[in-house]
Amino acid sequence: MIADPKDCALQFDPVGKTAFVSSCDIVKSALANAGVSYDNQKAPAGTPAVMKVGDVVIASPSAQGLSKEETRAVKAATEAKIKAALTQAGYPAKADPARMNKLGMFGVLFVFVIAATALFGPLAACLVELFPTRVRYTALSLPYHIGTGWVGGFVPFFAFAIVTAVGNIYAGLWYPVVFTLVSVLTTLFLLPETNGRPLDEV
């Protein structure tokens, strides 16, 4: 992927209203949606983005200033060329069920389910013990909904933005990993001991 860095936007759009129509953004979104990693290389200012797959070179036009219909047509044509080049280079169009490690997938999901139950089982009791009755409801609900709704809800948007910016399809995993690390450190060093604390204290 060779593009002018100024032509590439951070594709973070939680409300779905932003149109990423520059030459660079069209290529990056097509590659990210296809699940293909790529390297970013700097191009001279003002030049259109170019994607290289093996010996195939695809120059992406810009859709800036075009109508919605024309923009869709430009994106569709560019994405079709990119998919054709990826197919020619041997990239699979979709996952092959015959090559899936179904037992391994089940094992990983089983571990996550057990971990979730181990977390949410004692979580309610722990949080109740942390706060006095006069502020308990607010103290429990506010941070929970910030963490679940805002931090958790933004995972797809931040992950996609990170992937398009970096070019590695796994780079978006750093977003939940960082917040998980923050949670672990907070639990280890800031969570107080509540053993013996009365639940009805005010």
N, C-alpha and C. Protein backbone atom coordinates (compact mmCIF):
# COMPACT_ATOMS: atom_id res chain seq x y z
N MET A 1 0.85 -1.18 0.00
CA MET A 1 0.00 0.00 0.00
C MET A 1 0.90 1.24 0.00
N ILE A 2 0.86 2.00 -1.07
CA ILE A 2 1.68 3.20 -1.20
C ILE A 2 0.74 4.39 -1.34
N ALA A 3 0.83 5.31 -0.38
CA ALA A 3 -0.11 6.44 -0.39
C ALA A 3 0.49 7.64 0.31
N ASP A 4 -0.04 8.81 -0.03
CA ASP A 4 0.32 10.04 0.66
C ASP A 4 -0.32 10.01 2.05
N PRO A 5 0.47 10.07 3.13
CA PRO A 5 -0.10 9.99 4.48
C PRO A 5 -1.19 11.04 4.75
N LYS A 6 -1.09 12.19 4.12
CA LYS A 6 -2.09 13.24 4.32
C LYS A 6 -3.43 12.87 3.66
N ASP A 7 -3.39 11.91 2.77
CA ASP A 7 -4.61 11.48 2.08
C ASP A 7 -5.35 10.39 2.85
N CYS A 8 -4.71 9.89 3.93
CA CYS A 8 -5.28 8.79 4.71
C CYS A 8 -5.87 9.31 6.01
N ALA A 9 -7.14 9.07 6.21
CA ALA A 9 -7.83 9.51 7.43
C ALA A 9 -7.88 8.36 8.44
N LEU A 10 -8.04 8.74 9.71
CA LEU A 10 -8.29 7.74 10.73
C LEU A 10 -9.76 7.34 10.62
N GLN A 11 -10.02 6.14 10.16
CA GLN A 11 -11.38 5.73 9.83
C GLN A 11 -12.17 5.32 11.08
N PHE A 12 -12.39 6.31 11.93
CA PHE A 12 -13.18 6.12 13.15
C PHE A 12 -14.52 6.82 12.96
N ASP A 13 -15.58 6.04 12.86
CA ASP A 13 -16.90 6.60 12.56
C ASP A 13 -17.98 5.85 13.33
N PRO A 14 -18.18 6.18 14.61
CA PRO A 14 -19.14 5.43 15.42
C PRO A 14 -20.60 5.66 15.04
N VAL A 15 -20.91 6.73 14.31
CA VAL A 15 -22.31 7.01 13.96
C VAL A 15 -22.61 6.74 12.49
N GLY A 16 -21.62 6.36 11.71
CA GLY A 16 -21.84 5.99 10.32
C GLY A 16 -22.19 7.14 9.40
N LYS A 17 -21.74 8.33 9.74
CA LYS A 17 -22.07 9.51 8.93
C LYS A 17 -20.90 10.02 8.10
N THR A 18 -19.68 9.59 8.42
CA THR A 18 -18.50 10.09 7.72
C THR A 18 -18.23 9.26 6.47
N ALA A 19 -17.99 9.94 5.38
CA ALA A 19 -17.67 9.26 4.13
C ALA A 19 -16.16 9.30 3.90
N PHE A 20 -15.53 8.15 3.91
CA PHE A 20 -14.10 8.05 3.66
C PHE A 20 -13.91 7.76 2.18
N VAL A 21 -13.69 8.82 1.42
CA VAL A 21 -13.72 8.69 -0.04
C VAL A 21 -12.41 9.08 -0.71
N SER A 22 -11.37 9.31 0.08
CA SER A 22 -10.09 9.63 -0.55
C SER A 22 -9.51 8.38 -1.20
N SER A 23 -8.53 8.59 -2.03
CA SER A 23 -7.89 7.47 -2.73
C SER A 23 -7.33 6.45 -1.75
N CYS A 24 -6.68 6.94 -0.69
CA CYS A 24 -6.08 6.06 0.31
C CYS A 24 -7.14 5.33 1.11
N ASP A 25 -8.17 6.05 1.52
CA ASP A 25 -9.20 5.47 2.38
C ASP A 25 -9.97 4.36 1.68
N ILE A 26 -10.21 4.51 0.39
CA ILE A 26 -10.93 3.49 -0.36
C ILE A 26 -10.16 2.17 -0.36
N VAL A 27 -8.86 2.25 -0.60
CA VAL A 27 -8.04 1.04 -0.62
C VAL A 27 -7.94 0.42 0.77
N LYS A 28 -7.70 1.25 1.79
CA LYS A 28 -7.53 0.72 3.14
C LYS A 28 -8.80 0.05 3.65
N SER A 29 -9.94 0.67 3.40
CA SER A 29 -11.18 0.07 3.89
C SER A 29 -11.47 -1.24 3.15
N ALA A 30 -11.15 -1.30 1.86
CA ALA A 30 -11.36 -2.53 1.10
C ALA A 30 -10.48 -3.66 1.62
N LEU A 31 -9.22 -3.36 1.92
CA LEU A 31 -8.30 -4.38 2.43
C LEU A 31 -8.68 -4.82 3.84
N ALA A 32 -9.07 -3.86 4.68
CA ALA A 32 -9.47 -4.19 6.05
C ALA A 32 -10.73 -5.05 6.06
N ASN A 33 -11.69 -4.70 5.22
CA ASN A 33 -12.92 -5.48 5.14
C ASN A 33 -12.67 -6.88 4.59
N ALA A 34 -11.64 -7.02 3.77
CA ALA A 34 -11.29 -8.33 3.22
C ALA A 34 -10.45 -9.16 4.19
N GLY A 35 -10.04 -8.53 5.32
CA GLY A 35 -9.21 -9.25 6.29
C GLY A 35 -7.80 -9.50 5.82
N VAL A 36 -7.25 -8.54 5.08
CA VAL A 36 -5.90 -8.69 4.52
C VAL A 36 -4.98 -7.66 5.15
N SER A 37 -3.86 -8.12 5.69
CA SER A 37 -2.86 -7.20 6.24
C SER A 37 -2.04 -6.58 5.11
N TYR A 38 -1.50 -5.41 5.38
CA TYR A 38 -0.70 -4.72 4.36
C TYR A 38 0.32 -3.82 5.04
N ASP A 39 1.33 -3.44 4.28
CA ASP A 39 2.37 -2.51 4.75
C ASP A 39 2.08 -1.12 4.19
N ASN A 40 2.28 -0.11 5.04
CA ASN A 40 2.11 1.28 4.61
C ASN A 40 3.44 1.85 4.12
N GLN A 41 3.43 2.38 2.91
CA GLN A 41 4.61 3.05 2.37
C GLN A 41 4.22 4.46 1.94
N LYS A 42 5.14 5.38 2.18
CA LYS A 42 4.85 6.78 1.89
C LYS A 42 5.03 7.09 0.41
N ALA A 43 4.05 7.82 -0.14
CA ALA A 43 4.09 8.24 -1.54
C ALA A 43 4.25 9.76 -1.60
N PRO A 44 4.69 10.30 -2.71
CA PRO A 44 4.79 11.77 -2.84
C PRO A 44 3.44 12.43 -2.64
N ALA A 45 3.47 13.63 -2.12
CA ALA A 45 2.23 14.37 -1.83
C ALA A 45 1.41 14.57 -3.10
N GLY A 46 0.11 14.36 -2.98
CA GLY A 46 -0.80 14.60 -4.09
C GLY A 46 -0.96 13.45 -5.05
N THR A 47 -0.25 12.36 -4.84
CA THR A 47 -0.36 11.22 -5.75
C THR A 47 -1.44 10.26 -5.25
N PRO A 48 -2.11 9.56 -6.16
CA PRO A 48 -3.16 8.62 -5.73
C PRO A 48 -2.55 7.39 -5.06
N ALA A 49 -3.35 6.76 -4.23
CA ALA A 49 -2.89 5.56 -3.54
C ALA A 49 -2.73 4.41 -4.52
N VAL A 50 -1.72 3.60 -4.29
CA VAL A 50 -1.44 2.45 -5.15
C VAL A 50 -1.29 1.22 -4.27
N MET A 51 -1.94 0.15 -4.66
CA MET A 51 -1.83 -1.12 -3.95
C MET A 51 -1.11 -2.13 -4.83
N LYS A 52 -0.15 -2.81 -4.26
CA LYS A 52 0.60 -3.82 -4.99
C LYS A 52 0.33 -5.20 -4.38
N VAL A 53 -0.12 -6.11 -5.21
CA VAL A 53 -0.30 -7.50 -4.80
C VAL A 53 0.50 -8.35 -5.78
N GLY A 54 1.65 -8.81 -5.35
CA GLY A 54 2.52 -9.53 -6.26
C GLY A 54 2.99 -8.61 -7.37
N ASP A 55 2.72 -8.99 -8.61
CA ASP A 55 3.09 -8.16 -9.75
C ASP A 55 1.97 -7.24 -10.20
N VAL A 56 0.83 -7.33 -9.55
CA VAL A 56 -0.33 -6.52 -9.94
C VAL A 56 -0.30 -5.19 -9.19
N VAL A 57 -0.47 -4.11 -9.92
CA VAL A 57 -0.50 -2.76 -9.33
C VAL A 57 -1.85 -2.14 -9.63
N ILE A 58 -2.52 -1.68 -8.57
CA ILE A 58 -3.84 -1.09 -8.71
C ILE A 58 -3.80 0.33 -8.17
N ALA A 59 -4.08 1.30 -9.01
CA ALA A 59 -4.16 2.70 -8.59
C ALA A 59 -5.60 3.02 -8.25
N SER A 60 -5.81 3.58 -7.07
CA SER A 60 -7.17 3.87 -6.62
C SER A 60 -7.53 5.32 -6.93
N PRO A 61 -8.64 5.56 -7.63
CA PRO A 61 -9.09 6.94 -7.85
C PRO A 61 -9.73 7.50 -6.58
N SER A 62 -9.80 8.79 -6.51
CA SER A 62 -10.47 9.44 -5.39
C SER A 62 -11.92 9.72 -5.75
N ALA A 63 -12.79 9.62 -4.74
CA ALA A 63 -14.20 9.90 -4.95
C ALA A 63 -14.63 11.22 -4.31
N GLN A 64 -13.65 12.02 -3.93
CA GLN A 64 -13.96 13.30 -3.29
C GLN A 64 -14.65 14.23 -4.29
N GLY A 65 -15.73 14.86 -3.84
CA GLY A 65 -16.46 15.79 -4.68
C GLY A 65 -17.49 15.15 -5.58
N LEU A 66 -17.60 13.82 -5.55
CA LEU A 66 -18.55 13.13 -6.40
C LEU A 66 -19.88 12.93 -5.67
N SER A 67 -20.91 12.64 -6.41
CA SER A 67 -22.21 12.36 -5.82
C SER A 67 -22.18 11.00 -5.14
N LYS A 68 -23.23 10.68 -4.37
CA LYS A 68 -23.27 9.40 -3.67
C LYS A 68 -23.26 8.23 -4.63
N GLU A 69 -24.00 8.36 -5.73
CA GLU A 69 -24.05 7.29 -6.71
C GLU A 69 -22.69 7.09 -7.37
N GLU A 70 -22.04 8.19 -7.73
CA GLU A 70 -20.72 8.10 -8.35
C GLU A 70 -19.69 7.55 -7.36
N THR A 71 -19.81 7.95 -6.10
CA THR A 71 -18.89 7.46 -5.07
C THR A 71 -19.03 5.95 -4.90
N ARG A 72 -20.28 5.47 -4.84
CA ARG A 72 -20.50 4.03 -4.73
C ARG A 72 -19.92 3.28 -5.92
N ALA A 73 -20.07 3.86 -7.10
CA ALA A 73 -19.55 3.22 -8.30
C ALA A 73 -18.02 3.14 -8.28
N VAL A 74 -17.38 4.22 -7.85
CA VAL A 74 -15.91 4.25 -7.76
C VAL A 74 -15.42 3.23 -6.74
N LYS A 75 -16.07 3.20 -5.58
CA LYS A 75 -15.67 2.24 -4.54
C LYS A 75 -15.87 0.80 -5.01
N ALA A 76 -17.02 0.54 -5.63
CA ALA A 76 -17.30 -0.82 -6.09
C ALA A 76 -16.30 -1.27 -7.14
N ALA A 77 -15.96 -0.39 -8.06
CA ALA A 77 -15.01 -0.75 -9.11
C ALA A 77 -13.63 -1.02 -8.53
N THR A 78 -13.20 -0.17 -7.60
CA THR A 78 -11.88 -0.36 -6.98
C THR A 78 -11.84 -1.62 -6.16
N GLU A 79 -12.89 -1.87 -5.37
CA GLU A 79 -12.94 -3.07 -4.55
C GLU A 79 -12.96 -4.33 -5.42
N ALA A 80 -13.64 -4.27 -6.55
CA ALA A 80 -13.67 -5.43 -7.45
C ALA A 80 -12.27 -5.73 -7.98
N LYS A 81 -11.52 -4.69 -8.35
CA LYS A 81 -10.15 -4.89 -8.83
C LYS A 81 -9.26 -5.47 -7.74
N ILE A 82 -9.44 -4.96 -6.52
CA ILE A 82 -8.63 -5.44 -5.40
C ILE A 82 -8.94 -6.90 -5.10
N LYS A 83 -10.22 -7.26 -5.08
CA LYS A 83 -10.61 -8.66 -4.82
C LYS A 83 -10.08 -9.58 -5.89
N ALA A 84 -10.14 -9.14 -7.14
CA ALA A 84 -9.63 -9.96 -8.24
C ALA A 84 -8.12 -10.17 -8.10
N ALA A 85 -7.40 -9.11 -7.72
CA ALA A 85 -5.95 -9.23 -7.54
C ALA A 85 -5.61 -10.14 -6.38
N LEU A 86 -6.39 -10.05 -5.29
CA LEU A 86 -6.15 -10.91 -4.13
C LEU A 86 -6.42 -12.37 -4.48
N THR A 87 -7.49 -12.61 -5.23
CA THR A 87 -7.81 -13.98 -5.65
C THR A 87 -6.71 -14.54 -6.54
N GLN A 88 -6.21 -13.71 -7.45
CA GLN A 88 -5.14 -14.14 -8.34
C GLN A 88 -3.87 -14.46 -7.56
N ALA A 89 -3.65 -13.73 -6.46
CA ALA A 89 -2.44 -13.95 -5.66
C ALA A 89 -2.59 -15.11 -4.69
N GLY A 90 -3.79 -15.71 -4.64
CA GLY A 90 -3.98 -16.88 -3.80
C GLY A 90 -4.68 -16.63 -2.48
N TYR A 91 -5.14 -15.40 -2.25
CA TYR A 91 -5.89 -15.12 -1.02
C TYR A 91 -7.29 -15.73 -1.13
N PRO A 92 -7.73 -16.46 -0.11
CA PRO A 92 -9.08 -17.05 -0.18
C PRO A 92 -10.15 -15.97 -0.04
N ALA A 93 -11.24 -16.14 -0.76
CA ALA A 93 -12.34 -15.18 -0.69
C ALA A 93 -13.05 -15.26 0.65
N LYS A 94 -13.08 -16.44 1.25
CA LYS A 94 -13.70 -16.62 2.56
C LYS A 94 -13.07 -17.84 3.23
N ALA A 95 -13.38 -18.00 4.50
CA ALA A 95 -12.81 -19.12 5.25
C ALA A 95 -13.32 -20.45 4.71
N ASP A 96 -12.44 -21.41 4.70
CA ASP A 96 -12.79 -22.76 4.25
C ASP A 96 -13.19 -23.59 5.47
N PRO A 97 -14.47 -23.96 5.58
CA PRO A 97 -14.92 -24.74 6.76
C PRO A 97 -14.15 -26.04 6.94
N ALA A 98 -13.70 -26.62 5.85
CA ALA A 98 -12.98 -27.89 5.95
C ALA A 98 -11.63 -27.74 6.64
N ARG A 99 -11.08 -26.54 6.64
CA ARG A 99 -9.76 -26.31 7.25
C ARG A 99 -9.86 -25.74 8.65
N MET A 100 -11.08 -25.56 9.16
CA MET A 100 -11.26 -25.00 10.49
C MET A 100 -10.95 -26.05 11.56
N ASN A 101 -10.32 -25.62 12.61
CA ASN A 101 -10.09 -26.47 13.78
C ASN A 101 -11.28 -26.29 14.72
N LYS A 102 -12.35 -27.03 14.46
CA LYS A 102 -13.59 -26.84 15.20
C LYS A 102 -13.44 -27.21 16.67
N LEU A 103 -12.66 -28.23 16.94
CA LEU A 103 -12.43 -28.61 18.33
C LEU A 103 -11.65 -27.53 19.07
N GLY A 104 -10.67 -26.95 18.37
CA GLY A 104 -9.89 -25.86 18.97
C GLY A 104 -10.75 -24.63 19.23
N MET A 105 -11.63 -24.30 18.26
CA MET A 105 -12.53 -23.16 18.45
C MET A 105 -13.46 -23.38 19.63
N PHE A 106 -13.99 -24.60 19.72
CA PHE A 106 -14.87 -24.91 20.84
C PHE A 106 -14.12 -24.78 22.16
N GLY A 107 -12.86 -25.24 22.18
CA GLY A 107 -12.06 -25.15 23.40
C GLY A 107 -11.81 -23.72 23.82
N VAL A 108 -11.49 -22.86 22.86
CA VAL A 108 -11.25 -21.45 23.18
C VAL A 108 -12.53 -20.79 23.70
N LEU A 109 -13.66 -21.04 23.03
CA LEU A 109 -14.93 -20.47 23.48
C LEU A 109 -15.31 -21.00 24.86
N PHE A 110 -15.02 -22.27 25.11
CA PHE A 110 -15.33 -22.85 26.42
C PHE A 110 -14.52 -22.17 27.52
N VAL A 111 -13.25 -21.90 27.23
CA VAL A 111 -12.41 -21.19 28.21
C VAL A 111 -12.97 -19.80 28.49
N PHE A 112 -13.41 -19.09 27.43
CA PHE A 112 -13.99 -17.76 27.62
C PHE A 112 -15.27 -17.81 28.46
N VAL A 113 -16.11 -18.83 28.22
CA VAL A 113 -17.35 -18.96 28.98
C VAL A 113 -17.04 -19.21 30.45
N ILE A 114 -16.10 -20.11 30.72
CA ILE A 114 -15.73 -20.38 32.11
C ILE A 114 -15.14 -19.14 32.77
N ALA A 115 -14.31 -18.41 32.02
CA ALA A 115 -13.72 -17.19 32.57
C ALA A 115 -14.79 -16.16 32.87
N ALA A 116 -15.81 -16.05 32.00
CA ALA A 116 -16.89 -15.08 32.23
C ALA A 116 -17.69 -15.44 33.47
N THR A 117 -17.99 -16.73 33.66
CA THR A 117 -18.73 -17.12 34.85
C THR A 117 -17.90 -16.91 36.11
N ALA A 118 -16.60 -17.17 36.02
CA ALA A 118 -15.73 -16.96 37.18
C ALA A 118 -15.63 -15.48 37.52
N LEU A 119 -15.80 -14.62 36.52
CA LEU A 119 -15.75 -13.17 36.77
C LEU A 119 -17.07 -12.65 37.32
N PHE A 120 -18.17 -12.96 36.64
CA PHE A 120 -19.45 -12.37 37.01
C PHE A 120 -20.07 -13.00 38.26
N GLY A 121 -19.63 -14.20 38.62
CA GLY A 121 -20.14 -14.81 39.85
C GLY A 121 -19.86 -13.96 41.07
N PRO A 122 -18.59 -13.70 41.39
CA PRO A 122 -18.28 -12.90 42.59
C PRO A 122 -18.34 -11.39 42.36
N LEU A 123 -18.51 -10.97 41.11
CA LEU A 123 -18.45 -9.53 40.82
C LEU A 123 -19.53 -8.75 41.56
N ALA A 124 -20.77 -9.24 41.52
CA ALA A 124 -21.87 -8.51 42.16
C ALA A 124 -21.63 -8.36 43.66
N ALA A 125 -21.22 -9.46 44.31
CA ALA A 125 -20.97 -9.39 45.75
C ALA A 125 -19.82 -8.43 46.07
N CYS A 126 -18.78 -8.48 45.24
CA CYS A 126 -17.63 -7.60 45.47
C CYS A 126 -18.02 -6.14 45.34
N LEU A 127 -18.78 -5.81 44.30
CA LEU A 127 -19.15 -4.40 44.09
C LEU A 127 -20.09 -3.90 45.17
N VAL A 128 -21.00 -4.76 45.63
CA VAL A 128 -21.92 -4.35 46.70
C VAL A 128 -21.14 -4.00 47.96
N GLU A 129 -20.10 -4.76 48.24
CA GLU A 129 -19.31 -4.52 49.45
C GLU A 129 -18.43 -3.29 49.36
N LEU A 130 -18.22 -2.79 48.17
CA LEU A 130 -17.30 -1.66 48.01
C LEU A 130 -17.88 -0.32 48.44
N PHE A 131 -19.21 -0.16 48.30
CA PHE A 131 -19.80 1.17 48.46
C PHE A 131 -20.87 1.18 49.56
N PRO A 132 -20.99 2.29 50.27
CA PRO A 132 -22.05 2.43 51.28
C PRO A 132 -23.42 2.53 50.63
N THR A 133 -24.45 2.29 51.39
CA THR A 133 -25.80 2.22 50.84
C THR A 133 -26.27 3.53 50.22
N ARG A 134 -25.81 4.67 50.73
CA ARG A 134 -26.32 5.96 50.24
C ARG A 134 -25.87 6.25 48.81
N VAL A 135 -24.79 5.64 48.35
CA VAL A 135 -24.32 5.89 46.97
C VAL A 135 -24.17 4.59 46.18
N ARG A 136 -24.63 3.49 46.74
CA ARG A 136 -24.34 2.17 46.14
C ARG A 136 -24.92 2.03 44.74
N TYR A 137 -26.16 2.44 44.54
CA TYR A 137 -26.79 2.24 43.23
C TYR A 137 -26.04 3.01 42.14
N THR A 138 -25.78 4.29 42.42
CA THR A 138 -25.06 5.11 41.43
C THR A 138 -23.63 4.62 41.25
N ALA A 139 -22.98 4.27 42.35
CA ALA A 139 -21.59 3.84 42.30
C ALA A 139 -21.43 2.54 41.52
N LEU A 140 -22.46 1.70 41.54
CA LEU A 140 -22.40 0.45 40.79
C LEU A 140 -22.77 0.64 39.33
N SER A 141 -23.85 1.36 39.08
CA SER A 141 -24.38 1.45 37.72
C SER A 141 -23.57 2.36 36.81
N LEU A 142 -23.10 3.49 37.32
CA LEU A 142 -22.38 4.45 36.47
C LEU A 142 -21.10 3.87 35.88
N PRO A 143 -20.17 3.37 36.70
CA PRO A 143 -18.94 2.81 36.09
C PRO A 143 -19.20 1.56 35.27
N TYR A 144 -20.21 0.77 35.66
CA TYR A 144 -20.51 -0.44 34.89
C TYR A 144 -20.95 -0.08 33.48
N HIS A 145 -21.83 0.89 33.36
CA HIS A 145 -22.33 1.26 32.04
C HIS A 145 -21.29 2.04 31.23
N ILE A 146 -20.42 2.77 31.90
CA ILE A 146 -19.32 3.41 31.18
C ILE A 146 -18.39 2.34 30.60
N GLY A 147 -18.05 1.36 31.43
CA GLY A 147 -17.16 0.30 30.96
C GLY A 147 -17.79 -0.57 29.89
N THR A 148 -19.02 -1.01 30.14
CA THR A 148 -19.69 -1.91 29.20
C THR A 148 -20.18 -1.18 27.96
N GLY A 149 -20.86 -0.05 28.18
CA GLY A 149 -21.47 0.67 27.05
C GLY A 149 -20.49 1.46 26.21
N TRP A 150 -19.64 2.22 26.89
CA TRP A 150 -18.74 3.11 26.15
C TRP A 150 -17.44 2.42 25.74
N VAL A 151 -16.72 1.87 26.72
CA VAL A 151 -15.46 1.19 26.38
C VAL A 151 -15.73 -0.06 25.54
N GLY A 152 -16.67 -0.90 26.00
CA GLY A 152 -16.98 -2.11 25.25
C GLY A 152 -17.69 -1.83 23.94
N GLY A 153 -18.60 -0.86 23.95
CA GLY A 153 -19.36 -0.55 22.74
C GLY A 153 -18.52 0.02 21.61
N PHE A 154 -17.41 0.67 21.98
CA PHE A 154 -16.56 1.27 20.96
C PHE A 154 -15.52 0.31 20.39
N VAL A 155 -15.50 -0.93 20.87
CA VAL A 155 -14.49 -1.89 20.39
C VAL A 155 -14.49 -2.03 18.88
N PRO A 156 -15.63 -2.26 18.20
CA PRO A 156 -15.57 -2.44 16.74
C PRO A 156 -15.06 -1.21 16.01
N PHE A 157 -15.43 -0.02 16.50
CA PHE A 157 -15.03 1.21 15.80
C PHE A 157 -13.55 1.50 15.98
N PHE A 158 -13.06 1.38 17.22
CA PHE A 158 -11.64 1.61 17.46
C PHE A 158 -10.80 0.52 16.80
N ALA A 159 -11.25 -0.72 16.86
CA ALA A 159 -10.49 -1.82 16.26
C ALA A 159 -10.34 -1.62 14.76
N PHE A 160 -11.44 -1.25 14.09
CA PHE A 160 -11.37 -1.05 12.64
C PHE A 160 -10.47 0.14 12.30
N ALA A 161 -10.57 1.22 13.08
CA ALA A 161 -9.73 2.39 12.84
C ALA A 161 -8.25 2.06 13.01
N ILE A 162 -7.94 1.26 14.03
CA ILE A 162 -6.54 0.87 14.26
C ILE A 162 -6.04 -0.02 13.13
N VAL A 163 -6.88 -0.95 12.69
CA VAL A 163 -6.48 -1.86 11.61
C VAL A 163 -6.19 -1.08 10.33
N THR A 164 -7.07 -0.15 9.96
CA THR A 164 -6.85 0.61 8.73
C THR A 164 -5.64 1.53 8.84
N ALA A 165 -5.36 2.02 10.04
CA ALA A 165 -4.21 2.91 10.22
C ALA A 165 -2.89 2.15 10.18
N VAL A 166 -2.86 0.97 10.84
CA VAL A 166 -1.62 0.22 10.98
C VAL A 166 -1.40 -0.73 9.80
N GLY A 167 -2.50 -1.38 9.36
CA GLY A 167 -2.38 -2.32 8.26
C GLY A 167 -2.34 -3.77 8.69
N ASN A 168 -2.28 -4.01 10.00
CA ASN A 168 -2.27 -5.37 10.53
C ASN A 168 -3.67 -5.72 11.01
N ILE A 169 -4.25 -6.80 10.50
CA ILE A 169 -5.64 -7.13 10.83
C ILE A 169 -5.81 -7.52 12.29
N TYR A 170 -4.71 -7.79 13.00
CA TYR A 170 -4.80 -8.13 14.42
C TYR A 170 -4.49 -6.94 15.33
N ALA A 171 -4.10 -5.82 14.75
CA ALA A 171 -3.71 -4.67 15.57
C ALA A 171 -4.87 -4.12 16.39
N GLY A 172 -6.09 -4.28 15.91
CA GLY A 172 -7.24 -3.78 16.65
C GLY A 172 -7.45 -4.46 17.99
N LEU A 173 -6.83 -5.64 18.18
CA LEU A 173 -6.96 -6.35 19.44
C LEU A 173 -6.27 -5.62 20.59
N TRP A 174 -5.38 -4.68 20.26
CA TRP A 174 -4.70 -3.95 21.32
C TRP A 174 -5.66 -3.09 22.13
N TYR A 175 -6.76 -2.67 21.52
CA TYR A 175 -7.74 -1.85 22.25
C TYR A 175 -8.32 -2.60 23.44
N PRO A 176 -8.91 -3.79 23.27
CA PRO A 176 -9.41 -4.50 24.45
C PRO A 176 -8.29 -5.00 25.36
N VAL A 177 -7.12 -5.32 24.79
CA VAL A 177 -6.01 -5.80 25.62
C VAL A 177 -5.56 -4.71 26.59
N VAL A 178 -5.46 -3.47 26.12
CA VAL A 178 -5.02 -2.37 26.97
C VAL A 178 -6.02 -2.15 28.11
N PHE A 179 -7.31 -2.13 27.79
CA PHE A 179 -8.31 -1.92 28.85
C PHE A 179 -8.37 -3.10 29.81
N THR A 180 -8.12 -4.30 29.31
CA THR A 180 -8.05 -5.45 30.21
C THR A 180 -6.87 -5.32 31.15
N LEU A 181 -5.73 -4.86 30.64
CA LEU A 181 -4.55 -4.65 31.47
C LEU A 181 -4.81 -3.59 32.54
N VAL A 182 -5.50 -2.51 32.14
CA VAL A 182 -5.87 -1.47 33.11
C VAL A 182 -6.74 -2.06 34.22
N SER A 183 -7.68 -2.91 33.83
CA SER A 183 -8.57 -3.54 34.82
C SER A 183 -7.79 -4.45 35.77
N VAL A 184 -6.85 -5.22 35.22
CA VAL A 184 -6.06 -6.13 36.05
C VAL A 184 -5.21 -5.34 37.05
N LEU A 185 -4.55 -4.28 36.59
CA LEU A 185 -3.71 -3.48 37.48
C LEU A 185 -4.55 -2.78 38.54
N THR A 186 -5.73 -2.29 38.15
CA THR A 186 -6.63 -1.65 39.11
C THR A 186 -7.06 -2.64 40.19
N THR A 187 -7.40 -3.86 39.76
CA THR A 187 -7.82 -4.88 40.72
C THR A 187 -6.70 -5.25 41.68
N LEU A 188 -5.49 -5.38 41.16
CA LEU A 188 -4.37 -5.81 41.99
C LEU A 188 -3.91 -4.76 42.99
N PHE A 189 -3.94 -3.49 42.58
CA PHE A 189 -3.31 -2.46 43.41
C PHE A 189 -4.28 -1.45 44.03
N LEU A 190 -5.49 -1.35 43.52
CA LEU A 190 -6.40 -0.32 44.03
C LEU A 190 -7.67 -0.87 44.67
N LEU A 191 -7.98 -2.14 44.44
CA LEU A 191 -9.20 -2.70 45.00
C LEU A 191 -9.00 -2.98 46.49
N PRO A 192 -9.80 -2.37 47.37
CA PRO A 192 -9.60 -2.56 48.81
C PRO A 192 -10.17 -3.89 49.30
N GLU A 193 -9.69 -4.34 50.42
CA GLU A 193 -10.22 -5.54 51.07
C GLU A 193 -11.52 -5.18 51.78
N THR A 194 -12.57 -5.95 51.53
CA THR A 194 -13.89 -5.65 52.11
C THR A 194 -14.34 -6.71 53.11
N ASN A 195 -13.47 -7.61 53.48
CA ASN A 195 -13.83 -8.66 54.42
C ASN A 195 -14.24 -8.05 55.76
N GLY A 196 -15.43 -8.41 56.21
CA GLY A 196 -15.91 -7.92 57.49
C GLY A 196 -16.59 -6.56 57.45
N ARG A 197 -16.65 -5.92 56.28
CA ARG A 197 -17.29 -4.61 56.20
C ARG A 197 -18.81 -4.79 56.21
N PRO A 198 -19.54 -4.06 57.06
CA PRO A 198 -21.01 -4.18 57.10
C PRO A 198 -21.63 -3.70 55.78
N LEU A 199 -22.59 -4.45 55.26
CA LEU A 199 -23.23 -4.08 54.00
C LEU A 199 -24.22 -2.95 54.14
N ASP A 200 -24.67 -2.65 55.36
CA ASP A 200 -25.67 -1.60 55.55
C ASP A 200 -25.07 -0.30 56.06
N GLU A 201 -23.74 -0.13 55.94
CA GLU A 201 -23.13 1.11 56.41
C GLU A 201 -23.54 2.26 55.51
N VAL A 202 -23.60 3.46 56.06
CA VAL A 202 -24.03 4.63 55.30
C VAL A 202 -22.90 5.63 55.22
